Structure formats: structure tokens, C-alpha cells
Amino acid sequence: MQTQFKCPLCRAVIAAADVNVATDLALCRSCGRTSSFATVSAAAEISTDILSAPPRGIKVENDFRGGSVITYRKLSPALLFLIPFTAVWSGGSMWGIYGTQLKKGAFDLSQSLFGLPFLLGTVVLLSIIIFAILGKWQISMQQGEGSVFVGVGRLGWNRSFAYGRNTMVSMCATTTRVNQIPQKGIMVRTDGKDFVFGASLKEEAKQFIAASIMKAATEA
């Protein structure tokens, strides 16, 4: 079945006659604007049809001012490995290096310094486990202003982006790799500025979030 291309700005269907692959241009007769064919192709991966049935782990909340908040939480299967590994590796190393000192009531500087990499590794592993269990992605959109929060509770990092009728939403390759394969992220392009995020999200979550931003942009 032939792919149906849509304008990344107004989402109207672009006729095949208005696509020029050689010059990387695509003309939308509906809004009269020209876009890169590469961008149109990337945007074709996103379908707003997914909005009718949010994937598992997605929660959507709307407020009285017309804004929306998308929260994504999902336990990672990696926890089945991380929890027992951390318990054995970190528990054994921490007890062997620091626990024995506490038991003897004697401080050993060289042994304590030797254990710092193990202590750091334990902190990193515990942080990953805590985020995998309690962490969340939260995408907020209201009146042309969006934000992406990643963290646990109120602790985490927050980034902002703008969206509107001139915004293009598509999927793009990122530097994040899994088994040496580059992972795609969500790209929001507004006034020539690109905002990319979500490479580590599950595919169905990426699609839903991208479609939500695309819908909000066309309605802005």
C-alpha cells in the first residue's frame, strides 16, 4: 500500500504530484506552505489515530484552560536483573570493604579509598532502580508552551519547548543506541529550532506523545 504523505504543519494530505523527491520539496495545497520531503516522510511515521487508545502506562489529564499533561510510567523488565544483581554485587562489595571495618571498629584509609568506585557504582545502580520503579516522564502543553520533565517526584530535569501552527513534529535518529542501533526520538521544530527528546521511551509511548504534540500544534 502506498504511503500517504501529510503536511507536517496542517496535516492535510499532500498529493503525489506535489512531491519532488529530487529537490527534497513537498507542497501542501491546503495551507500553501512548502516543506522538506525528508521532514514530510519522517512526519508520516506519526498517526493521530493512536490518540483514541492511549498505550499502557500513559495517563492524560486536561485542565480547564485547555492545557494537557501526559504522564508516562512503566516498569522496566530490566528490574528483574538489576535488583538481584545490585543486591549481590553491591551488598557483597559494600560489606567486604566497609562492613568489615564497622564490625572491627577500625578505619582503614587505603581499603576505604579502594572501595570508592564500588560505592559510586552502587549509588548509580540504586538510582537507576529507583527511577525504573518510581520515575516518570511528564509532558505538559498549554497555550503554545510545552515542557518535558523526567525524574522522581519533584526531583529531575525539566526542558521547555514552543509549539504552534508553524511547528513540525517528526521522528529523527539520535545518538542514543541500543545494540549499536540508533534510537529515534521525537523532534519538535518551531521557528527553525529543534527540540529532540524521548529516545529511551517505548515506541508506542513515543508515537502517542508525538501525535499529541502534533494535534496541539495544529489546534494552537
N, C-alpha and C. Protein backbone atom coordinates (compact mmCIF):
# COMPACT_ATOMS: atom_id res chain seq x y z
N MET A 1 0.85 -1.19 0.00
CA MET A 1 0.00 0.00 0.00
C MET A 1 0.89 1.24 0.00
N GLN A 2 0.57 2.20 -0.85
CA GLN A 2 1.37 3.40 -0.97
C GLN A 2 1.21 4.29 0.26
N THR A 3 2.33 4.84 0.73
CA THR A 3 2.30 5.72 1.89
C THR A 3 1.59 7.02 1.56
N GLN A 4 0.70 7.44 2.44
CA GLN A 4 0.00 8.70 2.25
C GLN A 4 0.73 9.77 3.05
N PHE A 5 1.26 10.75 2.32
CA PHE A 5 2.00 11.81 2.99
C PHE A 5 1.07 12.95 3.38
N LYS A 6 1.35 13.51 4.55
CA LYS A 6 0.55 14.63 5.04
C LYS A 6 1.46 15.80 5.37
N CYS A 7 0.91 16.99 5.28
CA CYS A 7 1.67 18.19 5.60
C CYS A 7 2.01 18.16 7.09
N PRO A 8 3.28 18.33 7.44
CA PRO A 8 3.67 18.31 8.86
C PRO A 8 3.18 19.54 9.62
N LEU A 9 2.61 20.51 8.91
CA LEU A 9 2.13 21.73 9.55
C LEU A 9 0.62 21.70 9.78
N CYS A 10 -0.15 21.42 8.72
CA CYS A 10 -1.61 21.43 8.87
C CYS A 10 -2.23 20.04 8.81
N ARG A 11 -1.43 19.01 8.51
CA ARG A 11 -1.85 17.61 8.47
C ARG A 11 -2.78 17.29 7.30
N ALA A 12 -2.88 18.19 6.33
CA ALA A 12 -3.66 17.88 5.13
C ALA A 12 -2.86 16.93 4.25
N VAL A 13 -3.58 16.12 3.46
CA VAL A 13 -2.92 15.16 2.57
C VAL A 13 -2.22 15.90 1.43
N ILE A 14 -0.99 15.50 1.14
CA ILE A 14 -0.21 16.08 0.05
C ILE A 14 -0.29 15.14 -1.15
N ALA A 15 -0.73 15.67 -2.28
CA ALA A 15 -0.86 14.85 -3.48
C ALA A 15 0.51 14.44 -3.99
N ALA A 16 0.58 13.26 -4.61
CA ALA A 16 1.85 12.75 -5.12
C ALA A 16 2.47 13.71 -6.14
N ALA A 17 1.62 14.41 -6.88
CA ALA A 17 2.11 15.34 -7.90
C ALA A 17 2.81 16.55 -7.28
N ASP A 18 2.55 16.80 -6.01
CA ASP A 18 3.15 17.96 -5.35
C ASP A 18 4.40 17.59 -4.55
N VAL A 19 4.89 16.38 -4.77
CA VAL A 19 6.11 15.91 -4.09
C VAL A 19 7.23 15.78 -5.11
N ASN A 20 8.36 16.41 -4.81
CA ASN A 20 9.53 16.31 -5.68
C ASN A 20 10.69 15.78 -4.84
N VAL A 21 10.93 14.48 -4.97
CA VAL A 21 11.98 13.83 -4.17
C VAL A 21 13.36 14.36 -4.55
N ALA A 22 13.57 14.64 -5.83
CA ALA A 22 14.88 15.08 -6.31
C ALA A 22 15.31 16.40 -5.68
N THR A 23 14.35 17.31 -5.49
CA THR A 23 14.68 18.62 -4.90
C THR A 23 14.35 18.67 -3.40
N ASP A 24 13.86 17.55 -2.86
CA ASP A 24 13.52 17.43 -1.43
C ASP A 24 12.48 18.46 -1.02
N LEU A 25 11.44 18.59 -1.86
CA LEU A 25 10.39 19.55 -1.57
C LEU A 25 9.01 18.90 -1.68
N ALA A 26 8.10 19.38 -0.86
CA ALA A 26 6.71 18.92 -0.91
C ALA A 26 5.82 20.12 -0.64
N LEU A 27 4.85 20.35 -1.54
CA LEU A 27 3.96 21.50 -1.44
C LEU A 27 2.60 21.07 -0.91
N CYS A 28 2.13 21.76 0.10
CA CYS A 28 0.80 21.50 0.64
C CYS A 28 -0.17 22.51 0.04
N ARG A 29 -1.12 22.02 -0.76
CA ARG A 29 -2.09 22.91 -1.39
C ARG A 29 -3.09 23.48 -0.38
N SER A 30 -3.24 22.80 0.74
CA SER A 30 -4.21 23.24 1.73
C SER A 30 -3.77 24.51 2.45
N CYS A 31 -2.51 24.52 2.94
CA CYS A 31 -2.03 25.71 3.66
C CYS A 31 -1.08 26.56 2.83
N GLY A 32 -0.67 26.01 1.68
CA GLY A 32 0.18 26.78 0.78
C GLY A 32 1.64 26.83 1.15
N ARG A 33 2.04 26.01 2.12
CA ARG A 33 3.43 26.05 2.57
C ARG A 33 4.22 24.86 2.03
N THR A 34 5.54 25.10 1.86
CA THR A 34 6.43 24.07 1.34
C THR A 34 7.29 23.51 2.46
N SER A 35 7.46 22.21 2.45
CA SER A 35 8.26 21.55 3.47
C SER A 35 9.28 20.63 2.82
N SER A 36 10.31 20.30 3.59
CA SER A 36 11.28 19.32 3.12
C SER A 36 10.60 17.96 3.01
N PHE A 37 10.86 17.25 1.91
CA PHE A 37 10.25 15.92 1.74
C PHE A 37 10.76 14.97 2.82
N ALA A 38 12.00 15.16 3.24
CA ALA A 38 12.56 14.32 4.31
C ALA A 38 11.76 14.50 5.59
N THR A 39 11.37 15.75 5.88
CA THR A 39 10.57 16.03 7.06
C THR A 39 9.17 15.45 6.92
N VAL A 40 8.61 15.57 5.73
CA VAL A 40 7.28 15.01 5.47
C VAL A 40 7.29 13.49 5.66
N SER A 41 8.35 12.86 5.18
CA SER A 41 8.47 11.40 5.31
C SER A 41 8.59 10.99 6.77
N ALA A 42 9.39 11.76 7.53
CA ALA A 42 9.55 11.45 8.96
C ALA A 42 8.26 11.67 9.72
N ALA A 43 7.52 12.72 9.34
CA ALA A 43 6.25 13.01 10.00
C ALA A 43 5.19 11.96 9.67
N ALA A 44 5.36 11.28 8.51
CA ALA A 44 4.39 10.25 8.11
C ALA A 44 4.40 9.06 9.05
N GLU A 45 5.46 8.92 9.86
CA GLU A 45 5.54 7.82 10.82
C GLU A 45 4.58 8.03 11.98
N ILE A 46 4.08 9.26 12.14
CA ILE A 46 3.23 9.59 13.27
C ILE A 46 1.77 9.66 12.81
N SER A 47 0.90 8.96 13.50
CA SER A 47 -0.52 8.97 13.19
C SER A 47 -1.32 9.38 14.42
N THR A 48 -2.21 10.36 14.24
CA THR A 48 -3.03 10.81 15.36
C THR A 48 -4.12 9.80 15.70
N ASP A 49 -4.24 8.74 14.92
CA ASP A 49 -5.23 7.70 15.22
C ASP A 49 -4.96 7.04 16.57
N ILE A 50 -3.68 7.05 16.98
CA ILE A 50 -3.30 6.40 18.24
C ILE A 50 -3.89 7.12 19.45
N LEU A 51 -4.30 8.38 19.27
CA LEU A 51 -4.82 9.16 20.39
C LEU A 51 -6.14 8.63 20.94
N SER A 52 -6.84 7.84 20.15
CA SER A 52 -8.12 7.29 20.60
C SER A 52 -7.94 6.17 21.61
N ALA A 53 -6.75 5.59 21.66
CA ALA A 53 -6.49 4.49 22.60
C ALA A 53 -5.08 4.62 23.16
N PRO A 54 -4.91 5.38 24.26
CA PRO A 54 -3.58 5.57 24.86
C PRO A 54 -2.94 4.23 25.22
N PRO A 55 -1.66 4.05 24.92
CA PRO A 55 -0.97 2.79 25.27
C PRO A 55 -0.82 2.63 26.77
N ARG A 56 -0.51 1.44 27.18
CA ARG A 56 -0.36 1.14 28.60
C ARG A 56 0.76 1.99 29.21
N GLY A 57 0.50 2.54 30.37
CA GLY A 57 1.49 3.37 31.05
C GLY A 57 1.29 4.86 30.82
N ILE A 58 0.41 5.21 29.86
CA ILE A 58 0.14 6.61 29.55
C ILE A 58 -1.11 7.09 30.28
N LYS A 59 -1.01 8.27 30.89
CA LYS A 59 -2.16 8.91 31.53
C LYS A 59 -2.25 10.34 31.02
N VAL A 60 -3.44 10.72 30.56
CA VAL A 60 -3.64 12.06 30.02
C VAL A 60 -4.63 12.82 30.90
N GLU A 61 -4.24 14.02 31.30
CA GLU A 61 -5.10 14.88 32.12
C GLU A 61 -5.24 16.24 31.44
N ASN A 62 -6.45 16.75 31.40
CA ASN A 62 -6.73 18.06 30.81
C ASN A 62 -7.15 19.03 31.90
N ASP A 63 -6.80 20.32 31.72
CA ASP A 63 -7.22 21.31 32.70
C ASP A 63 -8.24 22.26 32.08
N PHE A 64 -8.82 23.12 32.89
CA PHE A 64 -9.90 23.99 32.44
C PHE A 64 -9.43 25.06 31.47
N ARG A 65 -8.12 25.28 31.40
CA ARG A 65 -7.59 26.31 30.50
C ARG A 65 -7.21 25.74 29.13
N GLY A 66 -7.55 24.50 28.90
CA GLY A 66 -7.28 23.89 27.60
C GLY A 66 -5.94 23.22 27.48
N GLY A 67 -5.17 23.21 28.55
CA GLY A 67 -3.87 22.55 28.54
C GLY A 67 -4.00 21.06 28.82
N SER A 68 -2.94 20.35 28.63
CA SER A 68 -2.94 18.91 28.89
C SER A 68 -1.60 18.47 29.46
N VAL A 69 -1.65 17.40 30.24
CA VAL A 69 -0.44 16.83 30.84
C VAL A 69 -0.45 15.33 30.54
N ILE A 70 0.62 14.86 29.92
CA ILE A 70 0.76 13.44 29.62
C ILE A 70 1.82 12.87 30.56
N THR A 71 1.44 11.87 31.33
CA THR A 71 2.37 11.23 32.25
C THR A 71 2.60 9.80 31.81
N TYR A 72 3.87 9.42 31.72
CA TYR A 72 4.21 8.06 31.30
C TYR A 72 5.03 7.37 32.37
N ARG A 73 4.52 6.25 32.84
CA ARG A 73 5.22 5.40 33.80
C ARG A 73 5.11 3.96 33.33
N LYS A 74 6.21 3.24 33.40
CA LYS A 74 6.15 1.82 33.05
C LYS A 74 7.35 1.11 33.67
N LEU A 75 7.07 0.03 34.39
CA LEU A 75 8.15 -0.74 35.00
C LEU A 75 8.97 -1.43 33.90
N SER A 76 10.29 -1.37 34.05
CA SER A 76 11.17 -1.97 33.06
C SER A 76 11.46 -3.42 33.41
N PRO A 77 11.44 -4.32 32.41
CA PRO A 77 11.79 -5.72 32.65
C PRO A 77 13.22 -5.87 33.17
N ALA A 78 14.05 -4.84 32.95
CA ALA A 78 15.45 -4.88 33.40
C ALA A 78 15.55 -4.98 34.91
N LEU A 79 14.46 -4.60 35.61
CA LEU A 79 14.46 -4.69 37.08
C LEU A 79 14.65 -6.12 37.56
N LEU A 80 14.19 -7.08 36.77
CA LEU A 80 14.34 -8.49 37.14
C LEU A 80 15.81 -8.89 37.24
N PHE A 81 16.66 -8.15 36.52
CA PHE A 81 18.10 -8.39 36.57
C PHE A 81 18.79 -7.42 37.53
N LEU A 82 18.39 -6.14 37.46
CA LEU A 82 19.08 -5.12 38.23
C LEU A 82 18.97 -5.30 39.74
N ILE A 83 17.79 -5.64 40.23
CA ILE A 83 17.59 -5.75 41.67
C ILE A 83 18.45 -6.87 42.28
N PRO A 84 18.36 -8.11 41.77
CA PRO A 84 19.21 -9.16 42.36
C PRO A 84 20.70 -8.91 42.13
N PHE A 85 21.07 -8.35 40.96
CA PHE A 85 22.48 -8.07 40.69
C PHE A 85 23.02 -7.04 41.66
N THR A 86 22.25 -5.96 41.89
CA THR A 86 22.68 -4.92 42.83
C THR A 86 22.78 -5.47 44.24
N ALA A 87 21.81 -6.31 44.62
CA ALA A 87 21.82 -6.89 45.97
C ALA A 87 23.07 -7.73 46.20
N VAL A 88 23.44 -8.53 45.20
CA VAL A 88 24.60 -9.42 45.34
C VAL A 88 25.90 -8.65 45.18
N TRP A 89 26.03 -7.90 44.07
CA TRP A 89 27.28 -7.20 43.77
C TRP A 89 27.56 -6.07 44.75
N SER A 90 26.57 -5.19 44.92
CA SER A 90 26.76 -4.05 45.82
C SER A 90 26.79 -4.49 47.28
N GLY A 91 25.87 -5.40 47.63
CA GLY A 91 25.84 -5.86 49.01
C GLY A 91 27.14 -6.54 49.41
N GLY A 92 27.66 -7.38 48.53
CA GLY A 92 28.90 -8.09 48.83
C GLY A 92 30.09 -7.17 48.92
N SER A 93 30.20 -6.25 47.96
CA SER A 93 31.36 -5.35 47.94
C SER A 93 31.30 -4.35 49.09
N MET A 94 30.10 -3.80 49.37
CA MET A 94 29.98 -2.83 50.45
C MET A 94 30.28 -3.47 51.82
N TRP A 95 29.80 -4.69 52.01
CA TRP A 95 30.08 -5.36 53.28
C TRP A 95 31.56 -5.73 53.40
N GLY A 96 32.12 -6.25 52.30
CA GLY A 96 33.51 -6.65 52.32
C GLY A 96 34.46 -5.49 52.55
N ILE A 97 34.11 -4.30 52.03
CA ILE A 97 35.02 -3.15 52.14
C ILE A 97 34.73 -2.30 53.37
N TYR A 98 33.48 -1.97 53.57
CA TYR A 98 33.13 -1.05 54.66
C TYR A 98 32.50 -1.76 55.86
N GLY A 99 31.72 -2.80 55.59
CA GLY A 99 31.07 -3.50 56.69
C GLY A 99 32.06 -4.13 57.65
N THR A 100 33.12 -4.71 57.12
CA THR A 100 34.12 -5.33 57.99
C THR A 100 34.84 -4.30 58.86
N GLN A 101 35.00 -3.08 58.32
CA GLN A 101 35.63 -2.01 59.12
C GLN A 101 34.74 -1.61 60.29
N LEU A 102 33.44 -1.52 60.00
CA LEU A 102 32.50 -1.17 61.07
C LEU A 102 32.44 -2.26 62.13
N LYS A 103 32.50 -3.50 61.67
CA LYS A 103 32.45 -4.62 62.61
C LYS A 103 33.67 -4.64 63.53
N LYS A 104 34.83 -4.31 62.94
CA LYS A 104 36.06 -4.30 63.74
C LYS A 104 36.22 -3.01 64.54
N GLY A 105 35.49 -1.97 64.12
CA GLY A 105 35.62 -0.68 64.78
C GLY A 105 36.93 -0.01 64.45
N ALA A 106 37.50 -0.35 63.28
CA ALA A 106 38.78 0.23 62.85
C ALA A 106 38.65 0.76 61.43
N PHE A 107 39.18 1.97 61.21
CA PHE A 107 39.10 2.60 59.90
C PHE A 107 40.38 2.34 59.12
N ASP A 108 40.22 1.87 57.87
CA ASP A 108 41.36 1.58 57.00
C ASP A 108 41.26 2.52 55.80
N LEU A 109 42.14 3.53 55.72
CA LEU A 109 42.07 4.53 54.67
C LEU A 109 42.25 3.92 53.28
N SER A 110 43.27 3.09 53.11
CA SER A 110 43.55 2.52 51.79
C SER A 110 42.39 1.64 51.32
N GLN A 111 41.83 0.86 52.22
CA GLN A 111 40.71 0.00 51.87
C GLN A 111 39.47 0.84 51.53
N SER A 112 39.26 1.92 52.27
CA SER A 112 38.11 2.80 52.02
C SER A 112 38.23 3.50 50.67
N LEU A 113 39.44 3.96 50.34
CA LEU A 113 39.66 4.60 49.04
C LEU A 113 39.48 3.59 47.90
N PHE A 114 39.94 2.36 48.13
CA PHE A 114 39.77 1.31 47.13
C PHE A 114 38.29 1.03 46.86
N GLY A 115 37.46 1.23 47.88
CA GLY A 115 36.03 0.93 47.74
C GLY A 115 35.20 2.03 47.12
N LEU A 116 35.80 3.22 46.89
CA LEU A 116 35.03 4.34 46.34
C LEU A 116 34.38 4.03 45.00
N PRO A 117 35.10 3.39 44.03
CA PRO A 117 34.43 3.05 42.76
C PRO A 117 33.23 2.12 42.96
N PHE A 118 33.34 1.20 43.91
CA PHE A 118 32.23 0.29 44.20
C PHE A 118 31.06 1.07 44.83
N LEU A 119 31.39 2.03 45.68
CA LEU A 119 30.36 2.86 46.30
C LEU A 119 29.64 3.70 45.25
N LEU A 120 30.41 4.28 44.35
CA LEU A 120 29.83 5.08 43.27
C LEU A 120 28.94 4.20 42.38
N GLY A 121 29.43 3.01 42.06
CA GLY A 121 28.64 2.08 41.23
C GLY A 121 27.33 1.71 41.91
N THR A 122 27.39 1.53 43.22
CA THR A 122 26.17 1.20 43.98
C THR A 122 25.17 2.34 43.93
N VAL A 123 25.65 3.56 44.09
CA VAL A 123 24.77 4.74 44.03
C VAL A 123 24.11 4.83 42.66
N VAL A 124 24.89 4.61 41.60
CA VAL A 124 24.34 4.67 40.24
C VAL A 124 23.28 3.59 40.03
N LEU A 125 23.58 2.36 40.45
CA LEU A 125 22.64 1.26 40.29
C LEU A 125 21.35 1.51 41.07
N LEU A 126 21.47 1.99 42.29
CA LEU A 126 20.29 2.27 43.09
C LEU A 126 19.46 3.40 42.48
N SER A 127 20.14 4.39 41.90
CA SER A 127 19.42 5.50 41.25
C SER A 127 18.62 4.98 40.05
N ILE A 128 19.24 4.09 39.28
CA ILE A 128 18.55 3.52 38.12
C ILE A 128 17.33 2.71 38.57
N ILE A 129 17.51 1.92 39.62
CA ILE A 129 16.40 1.10 40.13
C ILE A 129 15.26 1.98 40.64
N ILE A 130 15.59 3.02 41.40
CA ILE A 130 14.56 3.92 41.93
C ILE A 130 13.79 4.59 40.80
N PHE A 131 14.53 5.05 39.75
CA PHE A 131 13.84 5.69 38.62
C PHE A 131 12.97 4.69 37.88
N ALA A 132 13.48 3.45 37.71
CA ALA A 132 12.71 2.43 36.99
C ALA A 132 11.41 2.09 37.71
N ILE A 133 11.42 2.23 39.05
CA ILE A 133 10.22 1.90 39.83
C ILE A 133 9.31 3.11 40.02
N LEU A 134 9.89 4.26 40.37
CA LEU A 134 9.10 5.43 40.74
C LEU A 134 9.18 6.59 39.73
N GLY A 135 10.08 6.48 38.77
CA GLY A 135 10.28 7.59 37.84
C GLY A 135 9.14 7.79 36.86
N LYS A 136 9.13 8.95 36.25
CA LYS A 136 8.08 9.27 35.28
C LYS A 136 8.59 10.25 34.23
N TRP A 137 7.95 10.22 33.09
CA TRP A 137 8.08 11.24 32.06
C TRP A 137 6.79 12.04 32.09
N GLN A 138 6.90 13.34 32.09
CA GLN A 138 5.70 14.18 32.12
C GLN A 138 5.82 15.28 31.08
N ILE A 139 4.91 15.27 30.12
CA ILE A 139 4.91 16.27 29.05
C ILE A 139 3.71 17.18 29.24
N SER A 140 3.97 18.46 29.44
CA SER A 140 2.90 19.44 29.67
C SER A 140 2.81 20.37 28.47
N MET A 141 1.58 20.68 28.08
CA MET A 141 1.35 21.60 26.95
C MET A 141 0.21 22.55 27.28
N GLN A 142 0.48 23.83 27.09
CA GLN A 142 -0.55 24.83 27.36
C GLN A 142 -0.25 26.12 26.62
N GLN A 143 -1.18 26.53 25.78
CA GLN A 143 -1.10 27.81 25.07
C GLN A 143 0.24 28.04 24.38
N GLY A 144 0.70 27.04 23.65
CA GLY A 144 1.92 27.19 22.86
C GLY A 144 3.21 26.96 23.61
N GLU A 145 3.13 26.66 24.89
CA GLU A 145 4.32 26.39 25.69
C GLU A 145 4.28 24.96 26.21
N GLY A 146 5.35 24.23 25.96
CA GLY A 146 5.43 22.85 26.40
C GLY A 146 6.65 22.61 27.26
N SER A 147 6.62 21.55 28.03
CA SER A 147 7.77 21.19 28.87
C SER A 147 7.84 19.68 29.01
N VAL A 148 9.05 19.19 29.19
CA VAL A 148 9.28 17.76 29.40
C VAL A 148 10.03 17.59 30.72
N PHE A 149 9.42 16.85 31.65
CA PHE A 149 10.05 16.59 32.94
C PHE A 149 10.34 15.10 33.04
N VAL A 150 11.56 14.78 33.50
CA VAL A 150 11.95 13.38 33.72
C VAL A 150 12.54 13.29 35.11
N GLY A 151 11.98 12.46 35.96
CA GLY A 151 12.51 12.34 37.30
C GLY A 151 11.61 11.55 38.22
N VAL A 152 11.90 11.69 39.51
CA VAL A 152 11.13 11.02 40.57
C VAL A 152 10.55 12.09 41.47
N GLY A 153 9.22 12.11 41.62
CA GLY A 153 8.59 13.16 42.41
C GLY A 153 8.88 14.52 41.80
N ARG A 154 9.49 15.40 42.60
CA ARG A 154 9.86 16.73 42.09
C ARG A 154 11.34 16.82 41.72
N LEU A 155 12.06 15.72 41.90
CA LEU A 155 13.49 15.69 41.59
C LEU A 155 13.70 15.18 40.18
N GLY A 156 14.41 15.95 39.36
CA GLY A 156 14.67 15.54 37.99
C GLY A 156 15.07 16.74 37.16
N TRP A 157 15.00 16.58 35.86
CA TRP A 157 15.33 17.71 34.99
C TRP A 157 14.14 18.08 34.13
N ASN A 158 14.07 19.35 33.79
CA ASN A 158 12.94 19.88 33.03
C ASN A 158 13.45 20.69 31.85
N ARG A 159 12.86 20.46 30.68
CA ARG A 159 13.23 21.22 29.48
C ARG A 159 11.96 21.77 28.84
N SER A 160 12.10 22.94 28.21
CA SER A 160 10.93 23.60 27.62
C SER A 160 11.03 23.67 26.11
N PHE A 161 9.87 23.73 25.46
CA PHE A 161 9.81 23.89 24.01
C PHE A 161 8.56 24.69 23.66
N ALA A 162 8.57 25.27 22.48
CA ALA A 162 7.42 26.03 22.00
C ALA A 162 6.75 25.26 20.86
N TYR A 163 5.46 25.47 20.72
CA TYR A 163 4.74 24.83 19.60
C TYR A 163 3.63 25.77 19.12
N GLY A 164 3.26 25.61 17.87
CA GLY A 164 2.23 26.45 17.27
C GLY A 164 1.91 25.94 15.88
N ARG A 165 1.20 26.73 15.11
CA ARG A 165 0.77 26.29 13.78
C ARG A 165 1.92 26.14 12.80
N ASN A 166 3.07 26.72 13.12
CA ASN A 166 4.24 26.57 12.26
C ASN A 166 5.18 25.49 12.76
N THR A 167 4.71 24.66 13.70
CA THR A 167 5.54 23.60 14.28
C THR A 167 5.45 22.31 13.45
N MET A 168 6.60 21.68 13.25
CA MET A 168 6.67 20.38 12.60
C MET A 168 7.08 19.33 13.63
N VAL A 169 6.34 18.25 13.68
CA VAL A 169 6.65 17.16 14.61
C VAL A 169 6.98 15.92 13.81
N SER A 170 8.11 15.31 14.10
CA SER A 170 8.53 14.12 13.36
C SER A 170 9.42 13.24 14.25
N MET A 171 9.80 12.10 13.72
CA MET A 171 10.74 11.21 14.41
C MET A 171 12.10 11.37 13.75
N CYS A 172 13.16 11.38 14.55
CA CYS A 172 14.50 11.53 13.99
C CYS A 172 15.50 10.65 14.73
N ALA A 173 16.57 10.29 14.06
CA ALA A 173 17.62 9.47 14.67
C ALA A 173 18.36 10.29 15.72
N THR A 174 18.76 9.63 16.81
CA THR A 174 19.50 10.30 17.87
C THR A 174 20.82 9.57 18.12
N THR A 175 21.61 10.09 19.06
CA THR A 175 22.88 9.44 19.39
C THR A 175 22.69 8.27 20.37
N THR A 176 21.48 8.12 20.90
CA THR A 176 21.19 7.01 21.80
C THR A 176 21.17 5.70 21.00
N ARG A 177 21.88 4.68 21.48
CA ARG A 177 21.95 3.41 20.77
C ARG A 177 21.57 2.25 21.67
N VAL A 178 20.92 1.26 21.09
CA VAL A 178 20.61 0.00 21.74
C VAL A 178 21.08 -1.11 20.82
N ASN A 179 22.03 -1.90 21.29
CA ASN A 179 22.65 -2.93 20.44
C ASN A 179 23.23 -2.32 19.17
N GLN A 180 23.86 -1.15 19.33
CA GLN A 180 24.51 -0.42 18.23
C GLN A 180 23.52 0.15 17.21
N ILE A 181 22.24 0.12 17.52
CA ILE A 181 21.23 0.65 16.60
C ILE A 181 20.76 2.01 17.13
N PRO A 182 20.90 3.08 16.32
CA PRO A 182 20.45 4.41 16.76
C PRO A 182 18.95 4.41 17.03
N GLN A 183 18.56 4.99 18.16
CA GLN A 183 17.15 5.05 18.51
C GLN A 183 16.55 6.38 18.05
N LYS A 184 15.29 6.32 17.63
CA LYS A 184 14.62 7.53 17.17
C LYS A 184 14.01 8.28 18.35
N GLY A 185 14.07 9.60 18.24
CA GLY A 185 13.46 10.45 19.25
C GLY A 185 12.38 11.30 18.62
N ILE A 186 11.65 12.02 19.45
CA ILE A 186 10.61 12.93 18.97
C ILE A 186 11.24 14.30 18.72
N MET A 187 11.06 14.81 17.51
CA MET A 187 11.62 16.13 17.19
C MET A 187 10.49 17.13 16.99
N VAL A 188 10.57 18.23 17.74
CA VAL A 188 9.60 19.33 17.61
C VAL A 188 10.36 20.52 17.05
N ARG A 189 10.04 20.90 15.84
CA ARG A 189 10.75 22.02 15.19
C ARG A 189 9.82 23.22 15.10
N THR A 190 10.22 24.31 15.76
CA THR A 190 9.42 25.53 15.76
C THR A 190 10.33 26.71 15.46
N ASP A 191 10.00 27.45 14.42
CA ASP A 191 10.79 28.63 14.02
C ASP A 191 12.27 28.28 13.84
N GLY A 192 12.53 27.14 13.24
CA GLY A 192 13.90 26.73 12.94
C GLY A 192 14.66 26.14 14.11
N LYS A 193 14.03 26.04 15.29
CA LYS A 193 14.69 25.48 16.46
C LYS A 193 14.18 24.07 16.71
N ASP A 194 15.12 23.14 16.84
CA ASP A 194 14.76 21.73 17.05
C ASP A 194 14.85 21.34 18.51
N PHE A 195 13.82 20.66 18.98
CA PHE A 195 13.80 20.13 20.33
C PHE A 195 13.58 18.63 20.21
N VAL A 196 14.58 17.86 20.65
CA VAL A 196 14.52 16.40 20.49
C VAL A 196 14.55 15.74 21.86
N PHE A 197 13.69 14.76 22.06
CA PHE A 197 13.65 14.05 23.34
C PHE A 197 13.00 12.68 23.15
N GLY A 198 13.06 11.88 24.21
CA GLY A 198 12.31 10.63 24.25
C GLY A 198 12.92 9.43 23.55
N ALA A 199 14.22 9.47 23.26
CA ALA A 199 14.83 8.34 22.56
C ALA A 199 14.74 7.04 23.35
N SER A 200 14.72 7.13 24.68
CA SER A 200 14.69 5.93 25.51
C SER A 200 13.28 5.42 25.79
N LEU A 201 12.27 6.13 25.31
CA LEU A 201 10.90 5.70 25.54
C LEU A 201 10.52 4.51 24.67
N LYS A 202 9.51 3.77 25.11
CA LYS A 202 8.98 2.69 24.29
C LYS A 202 8.33 3.29 23.05
N GLU A 203 8.36 2.53 21.95
CA GLU A 203 7.88 3.04 20.67
C GLU A 203 6.44 3.54 20.74
N GLU A 204 5.55 2.77 21.40
CA GLU A 204 4.15 3.19 21.45
C GLU A 204 3.98 4.48 22.24
N ALA A 205 4.82 4.69 23.25
CA ALA A 205 4.76 5.93 24.04
C ALA A 205 5.25 7.11 23.19
N LYS A 206 6.31 6.90 22.43
CA LYS A 206 6.81 7.95 21.53
C LYS A 206 5.73 8.37 20.55
N GLN A 207 5.09 7.38 19.93
CA GLN A 207 4.07 7.68 18.93
C GLN A 207 2.92 8.48 19.53
N PHE A 208 2.49 8.08 20.72
CA PHE A 208 1.35 8.77 21.35
C PHE A 208 1.73 10.21 21.72
N ILE A 209 2.90 10.38 22.32
CA ILE A 209 3.33 11.73 22.73
C ILE A 209 3.53 12.62 21.51
N ALA A 210 4.18 12.08 20.47
CA ALA A 210 4.41 12.86 19.24
C ALA A 210 3.08 13.26 18.61
N ALA A 211 2.13 12.34 18.56
CA ALA A 211 0.82 12.63 17.98
C ALA A 211 0.08 13.68 18.80
N SER A 212 0.24 13.63 20.12
CA SER A 212 -0.42 14.62 21.00
C SER A 212 0.14 16.02 20.76
N ILE A 213 1.46 16.12 20.62
CA ILE A 213 2.08 17.43 20.36
C ILE A 213 1.66 17.93 18.98
N MET A 214 1.62 17.01 18.01
CA MET A 214 1.21 17.38 16.65
C MET A 214 -0.22 17.93 16.65
N LYS A 215 -1.11 17.27 17.37
CA LYS A 215 -2.51 17.71 17.44
C LYS A 215 -2.61 19.07 18.14
N ALA A 216 -1.86 19.23 19.25
CA ALA A 216 -1.88 20.51 19.97
C ALA A 216 -1.36 21.65 19.09
N ALA A 217 -0.35 21.35 18.28
CA ALA A 217 0.23 22.38 17.40
C ALA A 217 -0.76 22.83 16.33
N THR A 218 -1.49 21.88 15.75
CA THR A 218 -2.44 22.24 14.70
C THR A 218 -3.65 23.00 15.26
N GLU A 219 -3.90 22.83 16.55
CA GLU A 219 -5.05 23.50 17.18
C GLU A 219 -4.66 24.81 17.88
N ALA A 220 -3.36 25.10 17.92
CA ALA A 220 -2.89 26.30 18.64
C ALA A 220 -3.35 27.58 17.95
